[in-house]
Amino acid sequence: MNLLSKKRRRGFTLVEIMIVVLIIGILLAIAVPNFIKARETSRTKSCIANLRQIDAAKEQWAMDNKAADGAAVSWANIVPDYIRKQPECPSGGTYTIGNVGTDPTCTISGHEL
């Protein structure tokens, strides 16, 4: 009888394993959506920072070249003199510089100055 009780205590029962799996599943159900939301928030903030950098480079170019509001600006005008390289949206959108006096834009909604 003593040997039988020692054998039972060595391993986990199916119910104990199922409870652990259930707890891990609940924790994942809570953590994964929060992780995805945090990642997208980070991408949005990074995109907005890129838009600010593009806007600053465009305005600096306009001051240096005495360009009036509404003057057309291209990437060739600001890269690499005013901004090291053309930034890329972390969510896969594309940037439009716009004219002097207007904000640059991104094709992803919610990514705006």
PDB file of N, CA and C in Angstrom:
ATOM      1  N   MET A   1       0.823  -1.186   0.000  1.00  0.00           N
ATOM      2  CA  MET A   1       0.000   0.000   0.000  1.00  0.00           C
ATOM      3  C   MET A   1       0.866   1.247   0.000  1.00  0.00           C
ATOM      4  N   ASN A   2       1.970   1.174   0.715  1.00  0.00           N
ATOM      5  CA  ASN A   2       2.870   2.311   0.805  1.00  0.00           C
ATOM      6  C   ASN A   2       3.477   2.636  -0.568  1.00  0.00           C
ATOM      7  N   LEU A   3       3.818   1.630  -1.378  1.00  0.00           N
ATOM      8  CA  LEU A   3       4.368   1.844  -2.709  1.00  0.00           C
ATOM      9  C   LEU A   3       3.352   2.489  -3.636  1.00  0.00           C
ATOM     10  N   LEU A   4       2.096   2.111  -3.540  1.00  0.00           N
ATOM     11  CA  LEU A   4       1.049   2.656  -4.384  1.00  0.00           C
ATOM     12  C   LEU A   4       0.845   4.142  -4.121  1.00  0.00           C
ATOM     13  N   SER A   5       0.852   4.555  -2.874  1.00  0.00           N
ATOM     14  CA  SER A   5       0.652   5.970  -2.556  1.00  0.00           C
ATOM     15  C   SER A   5       1.859   6.793  -2.993  1.00  0.00           C
ATOM     16  N   LYS A   6       3.060   6.235  -2.978  1.00  0.00           N
ATOM     17  CA  LYS A   6       4.243   6.959  -3.452  1.00  0.00           C
ATOM     18  C   LYS A   6       4.179   7.169  -4.965  1.00  0.00           C
ATOM     19  N   LYS A   7       3.684   6.201  -5.702  1.00  0.00           N
ATOM     20  CA  LYS A   7       3.567   6.325  -7.144  1.00  0.00           C
ATOM     21  C   LYS A   7       2.561   7.414  -7.527  1.00  0.00           C
ATOM     22  N   ARG A   8       1.501   7.522  -6.829  1.00  0.00           N
ATOM     23  CA  ARG A   8       0.470   8.518  -7.141  1.00  0.00           C
ATOM     24  C   ARG A   8       0.980   9.944  -6.913  1.00  0.00           C
ATOM     25  N   ARG A   9       1.862  10.132  -6.000  1.00  0.00           N
ATOM     26  CA  ARG A   9       2.334  11.468  -5.655  1.00  0.00           C
ATOM     27  C   ARG A   9       3.427  11.953  -6.607  1.00  0.00           C
ATOM     28  N   ARG A  10       3.974  11.104  -7.423  1.00  0.00           N
ATOM     29  CA  ARG A  10       5.089  11.479  -8.280  1.00  0.00           C
ATOM     30  C   ARG A  10       4.661  12.363  -9.446  1.00  0.00           C
ATOM     31  N   GLY A  11       3.513  12.176 -10.017  1.00  0.00           N
ATOM     32  CA  GLY A  11       3.109  12.906 -11.219  1.00  0.00           C
ATOM     33  C   GLY A  11       1.914  13.798 -10.980  1.00  0.00           C
ATOM     34  N   PHE A  12       1.539  14.502 -12.022  1.00  0.00           N
ATOM     35  CA  PHE A  12       0.366  15.367 -11.960  1.00  0.00           C
ATOM     36  C   PHE A  12      -0.830  14.627 -12.533  1.00  0.00           C
ATOM     37  N   THR A  13      -1.993  14.919 -12.020  1.00  0.00           N
ATOM     38  CA  THR A  13      -3.206  14.306 -12.553  1.00  0.00           C
ATOM     39  C   THR A  13      -3.647  15.085 -13.782  1.00  0.00           C
ATOM     40  N   LEU A  14      -4.502  14.472 -14.557  1.00  0.00           N
ATOM     41  CA  LEU A  14      -5.031  15.107 -15.761  1.00  0.00           C
ATOM     42  C   LEU A  14      -5.782  16.387 -15.415  1.00  0.00           C
ATOM     43  N   VAL A  15      -6.510  16.387 -14.331  1.00  0.00           N
ATOM     44  CA  VAL A  15      -7.266  17.572 -13.909  1.00  0.00           C
ATOM     45  C   VAL A  15      -6.309  18.724 -13.581  1.00  0.00           C
ATOM     46  N   GLU A  16      -5.213  18.445 -12.895  1.00  0.00           N
ATOM     47  CA  GLU A  16      -4.245  19.497 -12.558  1.00  0.00           C
ATOM     48  C   GLU A  16      -3.620  20.087 -13.819  1.00  0.00           C
ATOM     49  N   ILE A  17      -3.274  19.239 -14.760  1.00  0.00           N
ATOM     50  CA  ILE A  17      -2.702  19.717 -16.015  1.00  0.00           C
ATOM     51  C   ILE A  17      -3.719  20.556 -16.786  1.00  0.00           C
ATOM     52  N   MET A  18      -4.971  20.120 -16.803  1.00  0.00           N
ATOM     53  CA  MET A  18      -6.022  20.881 -17.509  1.00  0.00           C
ATOM     54  C   MET A  18      -6.236  22.248 -16.860  1.00  0.00           C
ATOM     55  N   ILE A  19      -6.158  22.323 -15.552  1.00  0.00           N
ATOM     56  CA  ILE A  19      -6.323  23.603 -14.847  1.00  0.00           C
ATOM     57  C   ILE A  19      -5.177  24.553 -15.217  1.00  0.00           C
ATOM     58  N   VAL A  20      -3.950  24.052 -15.261  1.00  0.00           N
ATOM     59  CA  VAL A  20      -2.803  24.884 -15.638  1.00  0.00           C
ATOM     60  C   VAL A  20      -2.956  25.388 -17.069  1.00  0.00           C
ATOM     61  N   VAL A  21      -3.359  24.515 -17.979  1.00  0.00           N
ATOM     62  CA  VAL A  21      -3.569  24.913 -19.375  1.00  0.00           C
ATOM     63  C   VAL A  21      -4.673  25.962 -19.469  1.00  0.00           C
ATOM     64  N   LEU A  22      -5.733  25.793 -18.708  1.00  0.00           N
ATOM     65  CA  LEU A  22      -6.832  26.757 -18.696  1.00  0.00           C
ATOM     66  C   LEU A  22      -6.349  28.130 -18.199  1.00  0.00           C
ATOM     67  N   ILE A  23      -5.562  28.151 -17.153  1.00  0.00           N
ATOM     68  CA  ILE A  23      -5.045  29.413 -16.615  1.00  0.00           C
ATOM     69  C   ILE A  23      -4.135  30.094 -17.634  1.00  0.00           C
ATOM     70  N   ILE A  24      -3.272  29.331 -18.290  1.00  0.00           N
ATOM     71  CA  ILE A  24      -2.399  29.902 -19.316  1.00  0.00           C
ATOM     72  C   ILE A  24      -3.225  30.459 -20.469  1.00  0.00           C
ATOM     73  N   GLY A  25      -4.269  29.748 -20.848  1.00  0.00           N
ATOM     74  CA  GLY A  25      -5.157  30.225 -21.912  1.00  0.00           C
ATOM     75  C   GLY A  25      -5.840  31.531 -21.549  1.00  0.00           C
ATOM     76  N   ILE A  26      -6.292  31.649 -20.330  1.00  0.00           N
ATOM     77  CA  ILE A  26      -6.944  32.891 -19.876  1.00  0.00           C
ATOM     78  C   ILE A  26      -5.942  34.045 -19.885  1.00  0.00           C
ATOM     79  N   LEU A  27      -4.733  33.802 -19.398  1.00  0.00           N
ATOM     80  CA  LEU A  27      -3.702  34.849 -19.408  1.00  0.00           C
ATOM     81  C   LEU A  27      -3.361  35.291 -20.834  1.00  0.00           C
ATOM     82  N   LEU A  28      -3.280  34.343 -21.767  1.00  0.00           N
ATOM     83  CA  LEU A  28      -3.016  34.694 -23.160  1.00  0.00           C
ATOM     84  C   LEU A  28      -4.170  35.483 -23.766  1.00  0.00           C
ATOM     85  N   ALA A  29      -5.404  35.107 -23.431  1.00  0.00           N
ATOM     86  CA  ALA A  29      -6.569  35.818 -23.955  1.00  0.00           C
ATOM     87  C   ALA A  29      -6.588  37.270 -23.488  1.00  0.00           C
ATOM     88  N   ILE A  30      -6.023  37.532 -22.334  1.00  0.00           N
ATOM     89  CA  ILE A  30      -5.964  38.895 -21.818  1.00  0.00           C
ATOM     90  C   ILE A  30      -4.764  39.642 -22.413  1.00  0.00           C
ATOM     91  N   ALA A  31      -3.614  38.977 -22.515  1.00  0.00           N
ATOM     92  CA  ALA A  31      -2.372  39.647 -22.898  1.00  0.00           C
ATOM     93  C   ALA A  31      -2.252  39.936 -24.391  1.00  0.00           C
ATOM     94  N   VAL A  32      -2.686  39.026 -25.247  1.00  0.00           N
ATOM     95  CA  VAL A  32      -2.478  39.183 -26.686  1.00  0.00           C
ATOM     96  C   VAL A  32      -3.166  40.430 -27.244  1.00  0.00           C
ATOM     97  N   PRO A  33      -4.443  40.693 -26.965  1.00  0.00           N
ATOM     98  CA  PRO A  33      -5.054  41.923 -27.503  1.00  0.00           C
ATOM     99  C   PRO A  33      -4.360  43.194 -27.005  1.00  0.00           C
ATOM    100  N   ASN A  34      -3.922  43.187 -25.749  1.00  0.00           N
ATOM    101  CA  ASN A  34      -3.214  44.358 -25.228  1.00  0.00           C
ATOM    102  C   ASN A  34      -1.877  44.542 -25.928  1.00  0.00           C
ATOM    103  N   PHE A  35      -1.197  43.454 -26.221  1.00  0.00           N
ATOM    104  CA  PHE A  35       0.077  43.529 -26.935  1.00  0.00           C
ATOM    105  C   PHE A  35      -0.120  44.079 -28.343  1.00  0.00           C
ATOM    106  N   ILE A  36      -1.154  43.611 -29.035  1.00  0.00           N
ATOM    107  CA  ILE A  36      -1.430  44.077 -30.401  1.00  0.00           C
ATOM    108  C   ILE A  36      -1.780  45.563 -30.392  1.00  0.00           C
ATOM    109  N   LYS A  37      -2.575  45.991 -29.422  1.00  0.00           N
ATOM    110  CA  LYS A  37      -2.951  47.403 -29.325  1.00  0.00           C
ATOM    111  C   LYS A  37      -1.723  48.270 -29.033  1.00  0.00           C
ATOM    112  N   ALA A  38      -0.859  47.814 -28.142  1.00  0.00           N
ATOM    113  CA  ALA A  38       0.355  48.572 -27.813  1.00  0.00           C
ATOM    114  C   ALA A  38       1.277  48.673 -29.018  1.00  0.00           C
ATOM    115  N   ARG A  39       1.378  47.625 -29.790  1.00  0.00           N
ATOM    116  CA  ARG A  39       2.230  47.643 -30.982  1.00  0.00           C
ATOM    117  C   ARG A  39       1.699  48.635 -32.014  1.00  0.00           C
ATOM    118  N   GLU A  40       0.393  48.649 -32.236  1.00  0.00           N
ATOM    119  CA  GLU A  40      -0.187  49.583 -33.204  1.00  0.00           C
ATOM    120  C   GLU A  40      -0.076  51.024 -32.715  1.00  0.00           C
ATOM    121  N   THR A  41      -0.241  51.254 -31.413  1.00  0.00           N
ATOM    122  CA  THR A  41      -0.060  52.595 -30.858  1.00  0.00           C
ATOM    123  C   THR A  41       1.367  53.067 -31.071  1.00  0.00           C
ATOM    124  N   SER A  42       2.319  52.180 -30.887  1.00  0.00           N
ATOM    125  CA  SER A  42       3.727  52.516 -31.102  1.00  0.00           C
ATOM    126  C   SER A  42       3.989  52.861 -32.560  1.00  0.00           C
ATOM    127  N   ARG A  43       3.414  52.107 -33.470  1.00  0.00           N
ATOM    128  CA  ARG A  43       3.578  52.391 -34.904  1.00  0.00           C
ATOM    129  C   ARG A  43       2.976  53.742 -35.266  1.00  0.00           C
ATOM    130  N   THR A  44       1.808  54.056 -34.703  1.00  0.00           N
ATOM    131  CA  THR A  44       1.166  55.342 -34.981  1.00  0.00           C
ATOM    132  C   THR A  44       2.034  56.493 -34.494  1.00  0.00           C
ATOM    133  N   LYS A  45       2.570  56.372 -33.282  1.00  0.00           N
ATOM    134  CA  LYS A  45       3.423  57.435 -32.737  1.00  0.00           C
ATOM    135  C   LYS A  45       4.694  57.595 -33.558  1.00  0.00           C
ATOM    136  N   SER A  46       5.262  56.497 -34.018  1.00  0.00           N
ATOM    137  CA  SER A  46       6.459  56.558 -34.847  1.00  0.00           C
ATOM    138  C   SER A  46       6.164  57.235 -36.185  1.00  0.00           C
ATOM    139  N   CYS A  47       5.020  56.936 -36.759  1.00  0.00           N
ATOM    140  CA  CYS A  47       4.622  57.556 -38.027  1.00  0.00           C
ATOM    141  C   CYS A  47       4.436  59.065 -37.848  1.00  0.00           C
ATOM    142  N   ILE A  48       3.790  59.467 -36.772  1.00  0.00           N
ATOM    143  CA  ILE A  48       3.576  60.894 -36.508  1.00  0.00           C
ATOM    144  C   ILE A  48       4.922  61.597 -36.307  1.00  0.00           C
ATOM    145  N   ALA A  49       5.870  60.944 -35.661  1.00  0.00           N
ATOM    146  CA  ALA A  49       7.212  61.516 -35.505  1.00  0.00           C
ATOM    147  C   ALA A  49       7.880  61.686 -36.871  1.00  0.00           C
ATOM    148  N   ASN A  50       7.690  60.709 -37.772  1.00  0.00           N
ATOM    149  CA  ASN A  50       8.220  60.842 -39.128  1.00  0.00           C
ATOM    150  C   ASN A  50       7.581  62.018 -39.856  1.00  0.00           C
ATOM    151  N   LEU A  51       6.266  62.184 -39.691  1.00  0.00           N
ATOM    152  CA  LEU A  51       5.574  63.305 -40.342  1.00  0.00           C
ATOM    153  C   LEU A  51       6.106  64.643 -39.829  1.00  0.00           C
ATOM    154  N   ARG A  52       6.381  64.726 -38.540  1.00  0.00           N
ATOM    155  CA  ARG A  52       6.960  65.962 -37.977  1.00  0.00           C
ATOM    156  C   ARG A  52       8.341  66.226 -38.560  1.00  0.00           C
ATOM    157  N   GLN A  53       9.120  65.171 -38.716  1.00  0.00           N
ATOM    158  CA  GLN A  53      10.455  65.311 -39.278  1.00  0.00           C
ATOM    159  C   GLN A  53      10.381  65.771 -40.736  1.00  0.00           C
ATOM    160  N   ILE A  54       9.463  65.218 -41.503  1.00  0.00           N
ATOM    161  CA  ILE A  54       9.270  65.636 -42.896  1.00  0.00           C
ATOM    162  C   ILE A  54       8.849  67.098 -42.945  1.00  0.00           C
ATOM    163  N   ASP A  55       7.919  67.485 -42.065  1.00  0.00           N
ATOM    164  CA  ASP A  55       7.438  68.865 -42.040  1.00  0.00           C
ATOM    165  C   ASP A  55       8.563  69.838 -41.698  1.00  0.00           C
ATOM    166  N   ALA A  56       9.384  69.484 -40.728  1.00  0.00           N
ATOM    167  CA  ALA A  56      10.498  70.353 -40.350  1.00  0.00           C
ATOM    168  C   ALA A  56      11.498  70.482 -41.495  1.00  0.00           C
ATOM    169  N   ALA A  57      11.801  69.393 -42.167  1.00  0.00           N
ATOM    170  CA  ALA A  57      12.731  69.434 -43.304  1.00  0.00           C
ATOM    171  C   ALA A  57      12.162  70.289 -44.427  1.00  0.00           C
ATOM    172  N   LYS A  58      10.865  70.141 -44.683  1.00  0.00           N
ATOM    173  CA  LYS A  58      10.209  70.918 -45.738  1.00  0.00           C
ATOM    174  C   LYS A  58      10.235  72.413 -45.414  1.00  0.00           C
ATOM    175  N   GLU A  59       9.952  72.763 -44.171  1.00  0.00           N
ATOM    176  CA  GLU A  59       9.954  74.173 -43.768  1.00  0.00           C
ATOM    177  C   GLU A  59      11.369  74.752 -43.807  1.00  0.00           C
ATOM    178  N   GLN A  60      12.353  73.970 -43.418  1.00  0.00           N
ATOM    179  CA  GLN A  60      13.749  74.433 -43.489  1.00  0.00           C
ATOM    180  C   GLN A  60      14.151  74.674 -44.935  1.00  0.00           C
ATOM    181  N   TRP A  61      13.776  73.764 -45.824  1.00  0.00           N
ATOM    182  CA  TRP A  61      14.057  73.934 -47.250  1.00  0.00           C
ATOM    183  C   TRP A  61      13.389  75.195 -47.776  1.00  0.00           C
ATOM    184  N   ALA A  62      12.152  75.433 -47.379  1.00  0.00           N
ATOM    185  CA  ALA A  62      11.412  76.613 -47.842  1.00  0.00           C
ATOM    186  C   ALA A  62      12.098  77.900 -47.371  1.00  0.00           C
ATOM    187  N   MET A  63      12.585  77.922 -46.119  1.00  0.00           N
ATOM    188  CA  MET A  63      13.276  79.117 -45.616  1.00  0.00           C
ATOM    189  C   MET A  63      14.593  79.340 -46.353  1.00  0.00           C
ATOM    190  N   ASP A  64      15.354  78.267 -46.560  1.00  0.00           N
ATOM    191  CA  ASP A  64      16.644  78.392 -47.235  1.00  0.00           C
ATOM    192  C   ASP A  64      16.502  78.821 -48.693  1.00  0.00           C
ATOM    193  N   ASN A  65      15.415  78.420 -49.331  1.00  0.00           N
ATOM    194  CA  ASN A  65      15.210  78.722 -50.749  1.00  0.00           C
ATOM    195  C   ASN A  65      14.196  79.844 -50.977  1.00  0.00           C
ATOM    196  N   LYS A  66      13.769  80.496 -49.901  1.00  0.00           N
ATOM    197  CA  LYS A  66      12.803  81.600 -49.958  1.00  0.00           C
ATOM    198  C   LYS A  66      11.557  81.215 -50.767  1.00  0.00           C
ATOM    199  N   ALA A  67      11.080  79.996 -50.526  1.00  0.00           N
ATOM    200  CA  ALA A  67       9.880  79.500 -51.212  1.00  0.00           C
ATOM    201  C   ALA A  67       8.647  80.004 -50.478  1.00  0.00           C
ATOM    202  N   ALA A  68       7.666  80.446 -51.244  1.00  0.00           N
ATOM    203  CA  ALA A  68       6.419  80.963 -50.668  1.00  0.00           C
ATOM    204  C   ALA A  68       5.472  79.814 -50.337  1.00  0.00           C
ATOM    205  N   ASP A  69       4.454  80.130 -49.516  1.00  0.00           N
ATOM    206  CA  ASP A  69       3.419  79.122 -49.235  1.00  0.00           C
ATOM    207  C   ASP A  69       2.806  78.646 -50.545  1.00  0.00           C
ATOM    208  N   GLY A  70       2.616  77.352 -50.633  1.00  0.00           N
ATOM    209  CA  GLY A  70       2.028  76.762 -51.832  1.00  0.00           C
ATOM    210  C   GLY A  70       3.064  76.256 -52.809  1.00  0.00           C
ATOM    211  N   ALA A  71       4.365  76.550 -52.564  1.00  0.00           N
ATOM    212  CA  ALA A  71       5.411  76.064 -53.459  1.00  0.00           C
ATOM    213  C   ALA A  71       5.519  74.540 -53.353  1.00  0.00           C
ATOM    214  N   ALA A  72       5.730  73.902 -54.494  1.00  0.00           N
ATOM    215  CA  ALA A  72       5.831  72.443 -54.528  1.00  0.00           C
ATOM    216  C   ALA A  72       7.176  71.989 -53.972  1.00  0.00           C
ATOM    217  N   VAL A  73       7.153  70.914 -53.198  1.00  0.00           N
ATOM    218  CA  VAL A  73       8.359  70.322 -52.618  1.00  0.00           C
ATOM    219  C   VAL A  73       8.386  68.849 -52.994  1.00  0.00           C
ATOM    220  N   SER A  74       9.560  68.371 -53.406  1.00  0.00           N
ATOM    221  CA  SER A  74       9.701  66.943 -53.721  1.00  0.00           C
ATOM    222  C   SER A  74      10.720  66.323 -52.782  1.00  0.00           C
ATOM    223  N   TRP A  75      10.781  65.001 -52.812  1.00  0.00           N
ATOM    224  CA  TRP A  75      11.761  64.313 -51.973  1.00  0.00           C
ATOM    225  C   TRP A  75      13.179  64.724 -52.356  1.00  0.00           C
ATOM    226  N   ALA A  76      13.404  64.962 -53.645  1.00  0.00           N
ATOM    227  CA  ALA A  76      14.742  65.351 -54.100  1.00  0.00           C
ATOM    228  C   ALA A  76      15.166  66.689 -53.493  1.00  0.00           C
ATOM    229  N   ASN A  77      14.205  67.549 -53.148  1.00  0.00           N
ATOM    230  CA  ASN A  77      14.527  68.839 -52.546  1.00  0.00           C
ATOM    231  C   ASN A  77      15.021  68.692 -51.106  1.00  0.00           C
ATOM    232  N   ILE A  78      14.499  67.730 -50.380  1.00  0.00           N
ATOM    233  CA  ILE A  78      14.814  67.653 -48.941  1.00  0.00           C
ATOM    234  C   ILE A  78      15.729  66.501 -48.550  1.00  0.00           C
ATOM    235  N   VAL A  79      15.876  65.479 -49.429  1.00  0.00           N
ATOM    236  CA  VAL A  79      16.750  64.336 -49.121  1.00  0.00           C
ATOM    237  C   VAL A  79      18.027  64.492 -49.928  1.00  0.00           C
ATOM    238  N   PRO A  80      19.206  64.409 -49.444  1.00  0.00           N
ATOM    239  CA  PRO A  80      19.676  64.138 -48.093  1.00  0.00           C
ATOM    240  C   PRO A  80      20.082  65.397 -47.324  1.00  0.00           C
ATOM    241  N   ASP A  81      19.845  66.585 -47.886  1.00  0.00           N
ATOM    242  CA  ASP A  81      20.325  67.810 -47.236  1.00  0.00           C
ATOM    243  C   ASP A  81      19.576  68.155 -45.960  1.00  0.00           C
ATOM    244  N   TYR A  82      18.267  67.939 -45.928  1.00  0.00           N
ATOM    245  CA  TYR A  82      17.462  68.351 -44.775  1.00  0.00           C
ATOM    246  C   TYR A  82      16.953  67.172 -43.951  1.00  0.00           C
ATOM    247  N   ILE A  83      16.953  66.017 -44.554  1.00  0.00           N
ATOM    248  CA  ILE A  83      16.569  64.785 -43.869  1.00  0.00           C
ATOM    249  C   ILE A  83      17.461  63.683 -44.463  1.00  0.00           C
ATOM    250  N   ARG A  84      18.031  62.847 -43.629  1.00  0.00           N
ATOM    251  CA  ARG A  84      19.058  61.899 -44.089  1.00  0.00           C
ATOM    252  C   ARG A  84      18.552  60.982 -45.194  1.00  0.00           C
ATOM    253  N   LYS A  85      17.393  60.368 -44.982  1.00  0.00           N
ATOM    254  CA  LYS A  85      16.822  59.485 -46.000  1.00  0.00           C
ATOM    255  C   LYS A  85      15.299  59.578 -45.919  1.00  0.00           C
ATOM    256  N   GLN A  86      14.665  59.137 -46.963  1.00  0.00           N
ATOM    257  CA  GLN A  86      13.202  59.178 -47.008  1.00  0.00           C
ATOM    258  C   GLN A  86      12.647  58.196 -45.984  1.00  0.00           C
ATOM    259  N   PRO A  87      11.866  58.690 -44.996  1.00  0.00           N
ATOM    260  CA  PRO A  87      11.332  57.789 -43.966  1.00  0.00           C
ATOM    261  C   PRO A  87      10.236  56.874 -44.523  1.00  0.00           C
ATOM    262  N   GLU A  88      10.052  55.762 -43.847  1.00  0.00           N
ATOM    263  CA  GLU A  88       9.001  54.809 -44.216  1.00  0.00           C
ATOM    264  C   GLU A  88       8.034  54.661 -43.054  1.00  0.00           C
ATOM    265  N   CYS A  89       6.765  54.594 -43.369  1.00  0.00           N
ATOM    266  CA  CYS A  89       5.744  54.401 -42.336  1.00  0.00           C
ATOM    267  C   CYS A  89       5.882  52.990 -41.771  1.00  0.00           C
ATOM    268  N   PRO A  90       5.934  52.845 -40.442  1.00  0.00           N
ATOM    269  CA  PRO A  90       6.078  51.510 -39.853  1.00  0.00           C
ATOM    270  C   PRO A  90       4.875  50.598 -40.095  1.00  0.00           C
ATOM    271  N   SER A  91       3.732  51.185 -40.464  1.00  0.00           N
ATOM    272  CA  SER A  91       2.543  50.370 -40.744  1.00  0.00           C
ATOM    273  C   SER A  91       2.383  50.072 -42.223  1.00  0.00           C
ATOM    274  N   GLY A  92       3.333  50.531 -43.047  1.00  0.00           N
ATOM    275  CA  GLY A  92       3.288  50.232 -44.473  1.00  0.00           C
ATOM    276  C   GLY A  92       2.623  51.304 -45.323  1.00  0.00           C
ATOM    277  N   GLY A  93       2.292  52.436 -44.747  1.00  0.00           N
ATOM    278  CA  GLY A  93       1.694  53.523 -45.522  1.00  0.00           C
ATOM    279  C   GLY A  93       2.757  54.265 -46.316  1.00  0.00           C
ATOM    280  N   THR A  94       2.293  55.186 -47.151  1.00  0.00           N
ATOM    281  CA  THR A  94       3.219  56.018 -47.921  1.00  0.00           C
ATOM    282  C   THR A  94       2.985  57.473 -47.560  1.00  0.00           C
ATOM    283  N   TYR A  95       4.068  58.230 -47.580  1.00  0.00           N
ATOM    284  CA  TYR A  95       4.014  59.640 -47.209  1.00  0.00           C
ATOM    285  C   TYR A  95       3.889  60.520 -48.442  1.00  0.00           C
ATOM    286  N   THR A  96       3.099  61.574 -48.290  1.00  0.00           N
ATOM    287  CA  THR A  96       3.007  62.623 -49.285  1.00  0.00           C
ATOM    288  C   THR A  96       3.510  63.893 -48.625  1.00  0.00           C
ATOM    289  N   ILE A  97       4.499  64.537 -49.236  1.00  0.00           N
ATOM    290  CA  ILE A  97       5.109  65.712 -48.624  1.00  0.00           C
ATOM    291  C   ILE A  97       4.136  66.887 -48.605  1.00  0.00           C
ATOM    292  N   GLY A  98       3.490  67.141 -49.714  1.00  0.00           N
ATOM    293  CA  GLY A  98       2.598  68.294 -49.812  1.00  0.00           C
ATOM    294  C   GLY A  98       3.378  69.554 -50.131  1.00  0.00           C
ATOM    295  N   ASN A  99       2.680  70.629 -50.323  1.00  0.00           N
ATOM    296  CA  ASN A  99       3.290  71.913 -50.642  1.00  0.00           C
ATOM    297  C   ASN A  99       3.721  72.618 -49.365  1.00  0.00           C
ATOM    298  N   VAL A 100       4.505  73.671 -49.540  1.00  0.00           N
ATOM    299  CA  VAL A 100       4.929  74.482 -48.406  1.00  0.00           C
ATOM    300  C   VAL A 100       3.681  75.075 -47.747  1.00  0.00           C
ATOM    301  N   GLY A 101       3.622  74.999 -46.437  1.00  0.00           N
ATOM    302  CA  GLY A 101       2.475  75.530 -45.698  1.00  0.00           C
ATOM    303  C   GLY A 101       1.390  74.513 -45.422  1.00  0.00           C
ATOM    304  N   THR A 102       1.543  73.293 -45.947  1.00  0.00           N
ATOM    305  CA  THR A 102       0.571  72.225 -45.667  1.00  0.00           C
ATOM    306  C   THR A 102       1.275  71.108 -44.918  1.00  0.00           C
ATOM    307  N   ASP A 103       0.516  70.343 -44.177  1.00  0.00           N
ATOM    308  CA  ASP A 103       1.087  69.228 -43.422  1.00  0.00           C
ATOM    309  C   ASP A 103       1.320  68.032 -44.335  1.00  0.00           C
ATOM    310  N   PRO A 104       2.421  67.311 -44.129  1.00  0.00           N
ATOM    311  CA  PRO A 104       2.601  66.051 -44.855  1.00  0.00           C
ATOM    312  C   PRO A 104       1.553  65.038 -44.377  1.00  0.00           C
ATOM    313  N   THR A 105       1.270  64.063 -45.214  1.00  0.00           N
ATOM    314  CA  THR A 105       0.229  63.084 -44.879  1.00  0.00           C
ATOM    315  C   THR A 105       0.740  61.660 -45.065  1.00  0.00           C
ATOM    316  N   CYS A 106       0.032  60.734 -44.427  1.00  0.00           N
ATOM    317  CA  CYS A 106       0.281  59.293 -44.570  1.00  0.00           C
ATOM    318  C   CYS A 106      -1.017  58.654 -45.063  1.00  0.00           C
ATOM    319  N   THR A 107      -0.881  57.589 -45.832  1.00  0.00           N
ATOM    320  CA  THR A 107      -2.068  56.933 -46.384  1.00  0.00           C
ATOM    321  C   THR A 107      -2.830  56.101 -45.347  1.00  0.00           C
ATOM    322  N   ILE A 108      -2.239  55.833 -44.195  1.00  0.00           N
ATOM    323  CA  ILE A 108      -2.916  55.071 -43.141  1.00  0.00           C
ATOM    324  C   ILE A 108      -3.772  56.029 -42.320  1.00  0.00           C
ATOM    325  N   SER A 109      -5.041  55.691 -42.125  1.00  0.00           N
ATOM    326  CA  SER A 109      -5.916  56.580 -41.346  1.00  0.00           C
ATOM    327  C   SER A 109      -5.488  56.606 -39.896  1.00  0.00           C
ATOM    328  N   GLY A 110      -5.568  57.777 -39.288  1.00  0.00           N
ATOM    329  CA  GLY A 110      -5.147  57.954 -37.906  1.00  0.00           C
ATOM    330  C   GLY A 110      -3.706  58.402 -37.780  1.00  0.00           C
ATOM    331  N   HIS A 111      -2.942  58.296 -38.864  1.00  0.00           N
ATOM    332  CA  HIS A 111      -1.554  58.759 -38.886  1.00  0.00           C
ATOM    333  C   HIS A 111      -1.549  60.171 -39.472  1.00  0.00           C
ATOM    334  N   GLU A 112      -1.749  61.157 -38.623  1.00  0.00           N
ATOM    335  CA  GLU A 112      -1.794  62.534 -39.126  1.00  0.00           C
ATOM    336  C   GLU A 112      -1.300  63.491 -38.061  1.00  0.00           C
ATOM    337  N   LEU A 113      -0.777  64.616 -38.532  1.00  0.00           N
ATOM    338  CA  LEU A 113      -0.304  65.657 -37.613  1.00  0.00           C
ATOM    339  C   LEU A 113      -1.479  66.397 -37.013  1.00  0.00           C
TER     340      LEU A 113
END
